[in-house]
Amino acid sequence: MRTAYTSSKIYLVIRMAVISSAAAVVLMHNHPSGDPTPSEADIKVTRDLIRAGQLMKIEVLDHVIMGHPNRSSLRELGYFAW
């Protein structure tokens, strides 16, 4: 069930990018705990969105996780180099 949920969210993000005629997207969400460390789910969803974006010629520029007071960039952490 978790996979279907994640797949539907990926579809919605890519769909909104297509509707907006976006050439690229920056993903951002918050971690209410204040710890911006990416979870395994954050990393997997990011990689799945990069793959889906590649199919649609939409570049994922970064995925930023907001904490308090810090933030994490998955690109800066090296998760885009796979």
PDB file of N, CA and C in Angstrom:
ATOM      1  N   MET A   1       0.827  -1.186   0.000  1.00  0.00           N
ATOM      2  CA  MET A   1       0.000   0.000   0.000  1.00  0.00           C
ATOM      3  C   MET A   1       0.873   1.252   0.000  1.00  0.00           C
ATOM      4  N   ARG A   2       1.987   1.227   0.694  1.00  0.00           N
ATOM      5  CA  ARG A   2       2.880   2.381   0.748  1.00  0.00           C
ATOM      6  C   ARG A   2       3.410   2.711  -0.646  1.00  0.00           C
ATOM      7  N   THR A   3       3.722   1.703  -1.444  1.00  0.00           N
ATOM      8  CA  THR A   3       4.226   1.928  -2.797  1.00  0.00           C
ATOM      9  C   THR A   3       3.187   2.639  -3.651  1.00  0.00           C
ATOM     10  N   ALA A   4       1.939   2.221  -3.566  1.00  0.00           N
ATOM     11  CA  ALA A   4       0.875   2.868  -4.343  1.00  0.00           C
ATOM     12  C   ALA A   4       0.730   4.328  -3.919  1.00  0.00           C
ATOM     13  N   TYR A   5       0.818   4.574  -2.637  1.00  0.00           N
ATOM     14  CA  TYR A   5       0.713   5.944  -2.127  1.00  0.00           C
ATOM     15  C   TYR A   5       1.853   6.793  -2.695  1.00  0.00           C
ATOM     16  N   THR A   6       3.057   6.292  -2.618  1.00  0.00           N
ATOM     17  CA  THR A   6       4.218   7.015  -3.137  1.00  0.00           C
ATOM     18  C   THR A   6       4.108   7.212  -4.637  1.00  0.00           C
ATOM     19  N   SER A   7       3.703   6.189  -5.365  1.00  0.00           N
ATOM     20  CA  SER A   7       3.555   6.296  -6.815  1.00  0.00           C
ATOM     21  C   SER A   7       2.527   7.348  -7.192  1.00  0.00           C
ATOM     22  N   SER A   8       1.451   7.423  -6.437  1.00  0.00           N
ATOM     23  CA  SER A   8       0.429   8.417  -6.754  1.00  0.00           C
ATOM     24  C   SER A   8       0.940   9.828  -6.490  1.00  0.00           C
ATOM     25  N   LYS A   9       1.757  10.007  -5.463  1.00  0.00           N
ATOM     26  CA  LYS A   9       2.330  11.320  -5.180  1.00  0.00           C
ATOM     27  C   LYS A   9       3.325  11.723  -6.272  1.00  0.00           C
ATOM     28  N   ILE A  10       4.103  10.777  -6.742  1.00  0.00           N
ATOM     29  CA  ILE A  10       5.045  11.053  -7.833  1.00  0.00           C
ATOM     30  C   ILE A  10       4.276  11.476  -9.071  1.00  0.00           C
ATOM     31  N   TYR A  11       3.205  10.758  -9.370  1.00  0.00           N
ATOM     32  CA  TYR A  11       2.359  11.104 -10.511  1.00  0.00           C
ATOM     33  C   TYR A  11       1.841  12.531 -10.388  1.00  0.00           C
ATOM     34  N   LEU A  12       1.360  12.891  -9.191  1.00  0.00           N
ATOM     35  CA  LEU A  12       0.789  14.230  -8.996  1.00  0.00           C
ATOM     36  C   LEU A  12       1.831  15.330  -9.167  1.00  0.00           C
ATOM     37  N   VAL A  13       3.038  15.106  -8.667  1.00  0.00           N
ATOM     38  CA  VAL A  13       4.101  16.108  -8.811  1.00  0.00           C
ATOM     39  C   VAL A  13       4.448  16.291 -10.286  1.00  0.00           C
ATOM     40  N   ILE A  14       4.654  15.194 -11.000  1.00  0.00           N
ATOM     41  CA  ILE A  14       5.000  15.276 -12.423  1.00  0.00           C
ATOM     42  C   ILE A  14       3.838  15.860 -13.214  1.00  0.00           C
ATOM     43  N   ARG A  15       2.623  15.485 -12.866  1.00  0.00           N
ATOM     44  CA  ARG A  15       1.437  16.013 -13.558  1.00  0.00           C
ATOM     45  C   ARG A  15       1.361  17.538 -13.429  1.00  0.00           C
ATOM     46  N   MET A  16       1.590  18.048 -12.211  1.00  0.00           N
ATOM     47  CA  MET A  16       1.548  19.497 -12.012  1.00  0.00           C
ATOM     48  C   MET A  16       2.662  20.193 -12.793  1.00  0.00           C
ATOM     49  N   ALA A  17       3.817  19.570 -12.878  1.00  0.00           N
ATOM     50  CA  ALA A  17       4.914  20.147 -13.655  1.00  0.00           C
ATOM     51  C   ALA A  17       4.555  20.196 -15.135  1.00  0.00           C
ATOM     52  N   VAL A  18       3.924  19.138 -15.645  1.00  0.00           N
ATOM     53  CA  VAL A  18       3.516  19.100 -17.052  1.00  0.00           C
ATOM     54  C   VAL A  18       2.444  20.152 -17.315  1.00  0.00           C
ATOM     55  N   ILE A  19       1.433  20.215 -16.451  1.00  0.00           N
ATOM     56  CA  ILE A  19       0.356  21.201 -16.615  1.00  0.00           C
ATOM     57  C   ILE A  19       0.919  22.620 -16.610  1.00  0.00           C
ATOM     58  N   SER A  20       1.947  22.847 -15.801  1.00  0.00           N
ATOM     59  CA  SER A  20       2.565  24.168 -15.694  1.00  0.00           C
ATOM     60  C   SER A  20       3.591  24.441 -16.790  1.00  0.00           C
ATOM     61  N   SER A  21       3.802  23.464 -17.663  1.00  0.00           N
ATOM     62  CA  SER A  21       4.833  23.568 -18.709  1.00  0.00           C
ATOM     63  C   SER A  21       6.211  23.837 -18.123  1.00  0.00           C
ATOM     64  N   ALA A  22       6.487  23.227 -16.984  1.00  0.00           N
ATOM     65  CA  ALA A  22       7.761  23.425 -16.304  1.00  0.00           C
ATOM     66  C   ALA A  22       8.871  22.647 -16.998  1.00  0.00           C
ATOM     67  N   ALA A  23      10.017  23.283 -17.135  1.00  0.00           N
ATOM     68  CA  ALA A  23      11.203  22.604 -17.655  1.00  0.00           C
ATOM     69  C   ALA A  23      11.979  21.960 -16.503  1.00  0.00           C
ATOM     70  N   ALA A  24      11.742  22.467 -15.289  1.00  0.00           N
ATOM     71  CA  ALA A  24      12.450  21.956 -14.118  1.00  0.00           C
ATOM     72  C   ALA A  24      11.617  22.234 -12.866  1.00  0.00           C
ATOM     73  N   VAL A  25      11.915  21.484 -11.803  1.00  0.00           N
ATOM     74  CA  VAL A  25      11.233  21.677 -10.531  1.00  0.00           C
ATOM     75  C   VAL A  25      12.240  21.621  -9.384  1.00  0.00           C
ATOM     76  N   VAL A  26      11.914  22.303  -8.308  1.00  0.00           N
ATOM     77  CA  VAL A  26      12.628  22.180  -7.039  1.00  0.00           C
ATOM     78  C   VAL A  26      11.598  21.665  -6.045  1.00  0.00           C
ATOM     79  N   LEU A  27      11.903  20.567  -5.410  1.00  0.00           N
ATOM     80  CA  LEU A  27      11.003  19.958  -4.439  1.00  0.00           C
ATOM     81  C   LEU A  27      11.359  20.472  -3.051  1.00  0.00           C
ATOM     82  N   MET A  28      10.357  20.683  -2.231  1.00  0.00           N
ATOM     83  CA  MET A  28      10.618  21.166  -0.880  1.00  0.00           C
ATOM     84  C   MET A  28       9.519  20.677   0.050  1.00  0.00           C
ATOM     85  N   HIS A  29       9.927  20.232   1.217  1.00  0.00           N
ATOM     86  CA  HIS A  29       8.963  19.912   2.267  1.00  0.00           C
ATOM     87  C   HIS A  29       9.632  20.120   3.617  1.00  0.00           C
ATOM     88  N   ASN A  30       8.838  20.059   4.679  1.00  0.00           N
ATOM     89  CA  ASN A  30       9.405  20.266   6.001  1.00  0.00           C
ATOM     90  C   ASN A  30       9.354  18.999   6.831  1.00  0.00           C
ATOM     91  N   HIS A  31      10.216  18.940   7.815  1.00  0.00           N
ATOM     92  CA  HIS A  31      10.176  17.913   8.840  1.00  0.00           C
ATOM     93  C   HIS A  31       9.774  18.625  10.128  1.00  0.00           C
ATOM     94  N   PRO A  32       8.549  18.433  10.585  1.00  0.00           N
ATOM     95  CA  PRO A  32       8.070  19.133  11.780  1.00  0.00           C
ATOM     96  C   PRO A  32       8.937  18.896  13.022  1.00  0.00           C
ATOM     97  N   SER A  33       9.685  17.795  13.040  1.00  0.00           N
ATOM     98  CA  SER A  33      10.562  17.515  14.184  1.00  0.00           C
ATOM     99  C   SER A  33      11.680  18.545  14.304  1.00  0.00           C
ATOM    100  N   GLY A  34      11.949  19.256  13.185  1.00  0.00           N
ATOM    101  CA  GLY A  34      13.039  20.220  13.173  1.00  0.00           C
ATOM    102  C   GLY A  34      14.337  19.643  12.657  1.00  0.00           C
ATOM    103  N   ASP A  35      14.424  18.314  12.536  1.00  0.00           N
ATOM    104  CA  ASP A  35      15.624  17.650  12.024  1.00  0.00           C
ATOM    105  C   ASP A  35      15.492  17.483  10.516  1.00  0.00           C
ATOM    106  N   PRO A  36      16.313  18.203   9.728  1.00  0.00           N
ATOM    107  CA  PRO A  36      16.165  18.136   8.276  1.00  0.00           C
ATOM    108  C   PRO A  36      16.883  16.962   7.613  1.00  0.00           C
ATOM    109  N   THR A  37      17.366  16.016   8.400  1.00  0.00           N
ATOM    110  CA  THR A  37      18.054  14.857   7.832  1.00  0.00           C
ATOM    111  C   THR A  37      17.093  14.067   6.949  1.00  0.00           C
ATOM    112  N   PRO A  38      17.479  13.791   5.679  1.00  0.00           N
ATOM    113  CA  PRO A  38      16.576  13.052   4.793  1.00  0.00           C
ATOM    114  C   PRO A  38      16.370  11.609   5.266  1.00  0.00           C
ATOM    115  N   SER A  39      15.131  11.172   5.215  1.00  0.00           N
ATOM    116  CA  SER A  39      14.814   9.782   5.552  1.00  0.00           C
ATOM    117  C   SER A  39      15.055   8.910   4.314  1.00  0.00           C
ATOM    118  N   GLU A  40      15.030   7.620   4.517  1.00  0.00           N
ATOM    119  CA  GLU A  40      15.158   6.696   3.375  1.00  0.00           C
ATOM    120  C   GLU A  40      14.022   6.933   2.386  1.00  0.00           C
ATOM    121  N   ALA A  41      12.823   7.218   2.904  1.00  0.00           N
ATOM    122  CA  ALA A  41      11.676   7.494   2.027  1.00  0.00           C
ATOM    123  C   ALA A  41      11.909   8.772   1.221  1.00  0.00           C
ATOM    124  N   ASP A  42      12.485   9.802   1.845  1.00  0.00           N
ATOM    125  CA  ASP A  42      12.791  11.042   1.122  1.00  0.00           C
ATOM    126  C   ASP A  42      13.744  10.766  -0.034  1.00  0.00           C
ATOM    127  N   ILE A  43      14.756   9.963   0.227  1.00  0.00           N
ATOM    128  CA  ILE A  43      15.755   9.644  -0.799  1.00  0.00           C
ATOM    129  C   ILE A  43      15.126   8.839  -1.924  1.00  0.00           C
ATOM    130  N   LYS A  44      14.311   7.825  -1.577  1.00  0.00           N
ATOM    131  CA  LYS A  44      13.670   6.991  -2.599  1.00  0.00           C
ATOM    132  C   LYS A  44      12.715   7.811  -3.462  1.00  0.00           C
ATOM    133  N   VAL A  45      11.890   8.624  -2.837  1.00  0.00           N
ATOM    134  CA  VAL A  45      10.941   9.443  -3.591  1.00  0.00           C
ATOM    135  C   VAL A  45      11.686  10.410  -4.507  1.00  0.00           C
ATOM    136  N   THR A  46      12.776  10.983  -4.009  1.00  0.00           N
ATOM    137  CA  THR A  46      13.568  11.899  -4.835  1.00  0.00           C
ATOM    138  C   THR A  46      14.108  11.182  -6.067  1.00  0.00           C
ATOM    139  N   ARG A  47      14.665  10.019  -5.876  1.00  0.00           N
ATOM    140  CA  ARG A  47      15.212   9.259  -7.012  1.00  0.00           C
ATOM    141  C   ARG A  47      14.109   8.856  -7.991  1.00  0.00           C
ATOM    142  N   ASP A  48      12.959   8.465  -7.458  1.00  0.00           N
ATOM    143  CA  ASP A  48      11.832   8.110  -8.334  1.00  0.00           C
ATOM    144  C   ASP A  48      11.345   9.331  -9.117  1.00  0.00           C
ATOM    145  N   LEU A  49      11.319  10.501  -8.465  1.00  0.00           N
ATOM    146  CA  LEU A  49      10.905  11.725  -9.157  1.00  0.00           C
ATOM    147  C   LEU A  49      11.922  12.136 -10.222  1.00  0.00           C
ATOM    148  N   ILE A  50      13.198  11.940  -9.936  1.00  0.00           N
ATOM    149  CA  ILE A  50      14.231  12.235 -10.949  1.00  0.00           C
ATOM    150  C   ILE A  50      14.015  11.351 -12.171  1.00  0.00           C
ATOM    151  N   ARG A  51      13.784  10.061 -11.950  1.00  0.00           N
ATOM    152  CA  ARG A  51      13.558   9.129 -13.075  1.00  0.00           C
ATOM    153  C   ARG A  51      12.302   9.500 -13.863  1.00  0.00           C
ATOM    154  N   ALA A  52      11.224   9.794 -13.152  1.00  0.00           N
ATOM    155  CA  ALA A  52       9.975  10.173 -13.825  1.00  0.00           C
ATOM    156  C   ALA A  52      10.171  11.481 -14.589  1.00  0.00           C
ATOM    157  N   GLY A  53      10.878  12.418 -13.991  1.00  0.00           N
ATOM    158  CA  GLY A  53      11.159  13.686 -14.663  1.00  0.00           C
ATOM    159  C   GLY A  53      11.975  13.499 -15.916  1.00  0.00           C
ATOM    160  N   GLN A  54      12.935  12.595 -15.873  1.00  0.00           N
ATOM    161  CA  GLN A  54      13.752  12.323 -17.059  1.00  0.00           C
ATOM    162  C   GLN A  54      12.887  11.809 -18.207  1.00  0.00           C
ATOM    163  N   LEU A  55      11.920  10.969 -17.898  1.00  0.00           N
ATOM    164  CA  LEU A  55      11.026  10.451 -18.932  1.00  0.00           C
ATOM    165  C   LEU A  55      10.219  11.567 -19.594  1.00  0.00           C
ATOM    166  N   MET A  56       9.880  12.576 -18.777  1.00  0.00           N
ATOM    167  CA  MET A  56       9.048  13.678 -19.271  1.00  0.00           C
ATOM    168  C   MET A  56       9.872  14.906 -19.652  1.00  0.00           C
ATOM    169  N   LYS A  57      11.204  14.780 -19.598  1.00  0.00           N
ATOM    170  CA  LYS A  57      12.120  15.891 -19.919  1.00  0.00           C
ATOM    171  C   LYS A  57      11.922  17.071 -18.956  1.00  0.00           C
ATOM    172  N   ILE A  58      11.702  16.744 -17.677  1.00  0.00           N
ATOM    173  CA  ILE A  58      11.569  17.747 -16.625  1.00  0.00           C
ATOM    174  C   ILE A  58      12.682  17.489 -15.614  1.00  0.00           C
ATOM    175  N   GLU A  59      13.577  18.451 -15.460  1.00  0.00           N
ATOM    176  CA  GLU A  59      14.713  18.271 -14.576  1.00  0.00           C
ATOM    177  C   GLU A  59      14.327  18.555 -13.124  1.00  0.00           C
ATOM    178  N   VAL A  60      14.738  17.669 -12.239  1.00  0.00           N
ATOM    179  CA  VAL A  60      14.586  17.915 -10.806  1.00  0.00           C
ATOM    180  C   VAL A  60      15.892  18.573 -10.359  1.00  0.00           C
ATOM    181  N   LEU A  61      15.817  19.860 -10.021  1.00  0.00           N
ATOM    182  CA  LEU A  61      17.015  20.617  -9.673  1.00  0.00           C
ATOM    183  C   LEU A  61      17.505  20.320  -8.260  1.00  0.00           C
ATOM    184  N   ASP A  62      16.580  20.120  -7.335  1.00  0.00           N
ATOM    185  CA  ASP A  62      16.958  19.848  -5.950  1.00  0.00           C
ATOM    186  C   ASP A  62      15.726  19.405  -5.170  1.00  0.00           C
ATOM    187  N   HIS A  63      15.972  18.804  -4.036  1.00  0.00           N
ATOM    188  CA  HIS A  63      14.927  18.471  -3.070  1.00  0.00           C
ATOM    189  C   HIS A  63      15.436  19.005  -1.740  1.00  0.00           C
ATOM    190  N   VAL A  64      14.775  20.014  -1.223  1.00  0.00           N
ATOM    191  CA  VAL A  64      15.192  20.682   0.009  1.00  0.00           C
ATOM    192  C   VAL A  64      14.246  20.282   1.132  1.00  0.00           C
ATOM    193  N   ILE A  65      14.830  19.920   2.268  1.00  0.00           N
ATOM    194  CA  ILE A  65      14.038  19.567   3.446  1.00  0.00           C
ATOM    195  C   ILE A  65      14.293  20.649   4.492  1.00  0.00           C
ATOM    196  N   MET A  66      13.219  21.293   4.897  1.00  0.00           N
ATOM    197  CA  MET A  66      13.311  22.366   5.881  1.00  0.00           C
ATOM    198  C   MET A  66      13.154  21.792   7.279  1.00  0.00           C
ATOM    199  N   GLY A  67      14.052  22.206   8.154  1.00  0.00           N
ATOM    200  CA  GLY A  67      13.952  21.876   9.574  1.00  0.00           C
ATOM    201  C   GLY A  67      13.914  23.183  10.336  1.00  0.00           C
ATOM    202  N   HIS A  68      14.244  23.116  11.608  1.00  0.00           N
ATOM    203  CA  HIS A  68      14.311  24.355  12.376  1.00  0.00           C
ATOM    204  C   HIS A  68      15.524  24.281  13.265  1.00  0.00           C
ATOM    205  N   PRO A  69      16.521  25.058  13.063  1.00  0.00           N
ATOM    206  CA  PRO A  69      16.619  26.211  12.170  1.00  0.00           C
ATOM    207  C   PRO A  69      17.322  25.891  10.847  1.00  0.00           C
ATOM    208  N   ASN A  70      17.665  24.639  10.592  1.00  0.00           N
ATOM    209  CA  ASN A  70      18.471  24.284   9.426  1.00  0.00           C
ATOM    210  C   ASN A  70      17.647  23.719   8.283  1.00  0.00           C
ATOM    211  N   ARG A  71      18.347  23.417   7.191  1.00  0.00           N
ATOM    212  CA  ARG A  71      17.730  22.776   6.037  1.00  0.00           C
ATOM    213  C   ARG A  71      18.754  21.825   5.432  1.00  0.00           C
ATOM    214  N   SER A  72      18.274  20.863   4.641  1.00  0.00           N
ATOM    215  CA  SER A  72      19.144  19.937   3.917  1.00  0.00           C
ATOM    216  C   SER A  72      18.794  19.976   2.447  1.00  0.00           C
ATOM    217  N   SER A  73      19.812  19.974   1.615  1.00  0.00           N
ATOM    218  CA  SER A  73      19.656  19.880   0.170  1.00  0.00           C
ATOM    219  C   SER A  73      20.150  18.506  -0.243  1.00  0.00           C
ATOM    220  N   LEU A  74      19.274  17.702  -0.844  1.00  0.00           N
ATOM    221  CA  LEU A  74      19.701  16.383  -1.267  1.00  0.00           C
ATOM    222  C   LEU A  74      20.767  16.472  -2.364  1.00  0.00           C
ATOM    223  N   ARG A  75      20.719  17.524  -3.177  1.00  0.00           N
ATOM    224  CA  ARG A  75      21.765  17.710  -4.185  1.00  0.00           C
ATOM    225  C   ARG A  75      23.109  17.967  -3.493  1.00  0.00           C
ATOM    226  N   GLU A  76      23.136  18.875  -2.517  1.00  0.00           N
ATOM    227  CA  GLU A  76      24.375  19.175  -1.792  1.00  0.00           C
ATOM    228  C   GLU A  76      24.902  17.961  -1.051  1.00  0.00           C
ATOM    229  N   LEU A  77      24.000  17.105  -0.577  1.00  0.00           N
ATOM    230  CA  LEU A  77      24.419  15.899   0.148  1.00  0.00           C
ATOM    231  C   LEU A  77      24.884  14.778  -0.789  1.00  0.00           C
ATOM    232  N   GLY A  78      24.759  14.984  -2.112  1.00  0.00           N
ATOM    233  CA  GLY A  78      25.270  14.011  -3.066  1.00  0.00           C
ATOM    234  C   GLY A  78      24.286  12.962  -3.536  1.00  0.00           C
ATOM    235  N   TYR A  79      23.016  13.112  -3.209  1.00  0.00           N
ATOM    236  CA  TYR A  79      22.027  12.107  -3.607  1.00  0.00           C
ATOM    237  C   TYR A  79      21.610  12.214  -5.065  1.00  0.00           C
ATOM    238  N   PHE A  80      22.070  13.232  -5.779  1.00  0.00           N
ATOM    239  CA  PHE A  80      21.733  13.357  -7.195  1.00  0.00           C
ATOM    240  C   PHE A  80      22.810  12.749  -8.079  1.00  0.00           C
ATOM    241  N   ALA A  81      23.889  12.294  -7.499  1.00  0.00           N
ATOM    242  CA  ALA A  81      25.000  11.730  -8.261  1.00  0.00           C
ATOM    243  C   ALA A  81      24.967  10.203  -8.201  1.00  0.00           C
ATOM    244  N   TRP A  82      23.984   9.633  -8.866  1.00  0.00           N
ATOM    245  CA  TRP A  82      23.888   8.170  -8.886  1.00  0.00           C
ATOM    246  C   TRP A  82      23.795   7.758 -10.285  1.00  0.00           C
TER     247      TRP A  82
END
